[in-house]
Amino acid sequence: MSKHEHGSMDTEVQEKTFEAFMSVVTKTAIVCIVVLVFMALVNS
């Protein structure tokens, strides 16, 4: 059994997953803000 070396884990997959998650969250937040502004303008 080999010893674990701190910092030797390949995190490329996790980094790509996090980038995709942050992209979806950012786009969703922008869409929500645009919808809220549109609703505020229509209801005025």
C-alpha atoms as a PDB file:
ATOM      1  CA  MET A   1       0.000   0.000   0.000  1.00  0.00           C
ATOM      2  CA  SER A   2       1.436   3.364  -0.996  1.00  0.00           C
ATOM      3  CA  LYS A   3       1.543   6.366   1.294  1.00  0.00           C
ATOM      4  CA  HIS A   4      -0.607   9.362   0.468  1.00  0.00           C
ATOM      5  CA  GLU A   5       1.339  12.478  -0.448  1.00  0.00           C
ATOM      6  CA  HIS A   6      -0.382  15.752   0.413  1.00  0.00           C
ATOM      7  CA  GLY A   7      -1.239  17.753  -2.713  1.00  0.00           C
ATOM      8  CA  SER A   8      -0.719  14.907  -5.180  1.00  0.00           C
ATOM      9  CA  MET A   9      -4.379  14.303  -6.059  1.00  0.00           C
ATOM     10  CA  ASP A  10      -5.490  15.157  -9.614  1.00  0.00           C
ATOM     11  CA  THR A  11      -8.281  17.712  -9.248  1.00  0.00           C
ATOM     12  CA  GLU A  12      -8.854  18.469 -12.942  1.00  0.00           C
ATOM     13  CA  VAL A  13     -12.294  16.810 -13.022  1.00  0.00           C
ATOM     14  CA  GLN A  14     -13.438  18.612  -9.869  1.00  0.00           C
ATOM     15  CA  GLU A  15     -12.233  21.949 -11.236  1.00  0.00           C
ATOM     16  CA  LYS A  16     -14.129  21.462 -14.505  1.00  0.00           C
ATOM     17  CA  THR A  17     -17.274  20.438 -12.601  1.00  0.00           C
ATOM     18  CA  PHE A  18     -17.030  23.525 -10.378  1.00  0.00           C
ATOM     19  CA  GLU A  19     -16.539  25.787 -13.418  1.00  0.00           C
ATOM     20  CA  ALA A  20     -19.644  24.307 -15.055  1.00  0.00           C
ATOM     21  CA  PHE A  21     -21.640  24.690 -11.825  1.00  0.00           C
ATOM     22  CA  MET A  22     -20.592  28.323 -11.403  1.00  0.00           C
ATOM     23  CA  SER A  23     -21.467  29.019 -15.036  1.00  0.00           C
ATOM     24  CA  VAL A  24     -24.980  27.620 -14.567  1.00  0.00           C
ATOM     25  CA  VAL A  25     -25.477  29.532 -11.308  1.00  0.00           C
ATOM     26  CA  THR A  26     -24.305  32.805 -12.884  1.00  0.00           C
ATOM     27  CA  LYS A  27     -26.532  32.419 -15.935  1.00  0.00           C
ATOM     28  CA  THR A  28     -29.525  31.491 -13.760  1.00  0.00           C
ATOM     29  CA  ALA A  29     -28.992  34.541 -11.534  1.00  0.00           C
ATOM     30  CA  ILE A  30     -28.784  36.822 -14.571  1.00  0.00           C
ATOM     31  CA  VAL A  31     -31.993  35.371 -16.019  1.00  0.00           C
ATOM     32  CA  CYS A  32     -33.786  35.810 -12.669  1.00  0.00           C
ATOM     33  CA  ILE A  33     -32.681  39.442 -12.421  1.00  0.00           C
ATOM     34  CA  VAL A  34     -33.764  40.167 -16.001  1.00  0.00           C
ATOM     35  CA  VAL A  35     -37.160  38.550 -15.381  1.00  0.00           C
ATOM     36  CA  LEU A  36     -37.659  40.558 -12.169  1.00  0.00           C
ATOM     37  CA  VAL A  37     -36.751  43.825 -13.896  1.00  0.00           C
ATOM     38  CA  PHE A  38     -39.091  42.994 -16.787  1.00  0.00           C
ATOM     39  CA  MET A  39     -41.913  42.201 -14.355  1.00  0.00           C
ATOM     40  CA  ALA A  40     -41.323  45.467 -12.512  1.00  0.00           C
ATOM     41  CA  LEU A  41     -41.438  47.448 -15.744  1.00  0.00           C
ATOM     42  CA  VAL A  42     -44.599  45.706 -16.990  1.00  0.00           C
ATOM     43  CA  ASN A  43     -46.503  46.137 -13.707  1.00  0.00           C
ATOM     44  CA  SER A  44     -45.755  49.860 -13.410  1.00  0.00           C
END
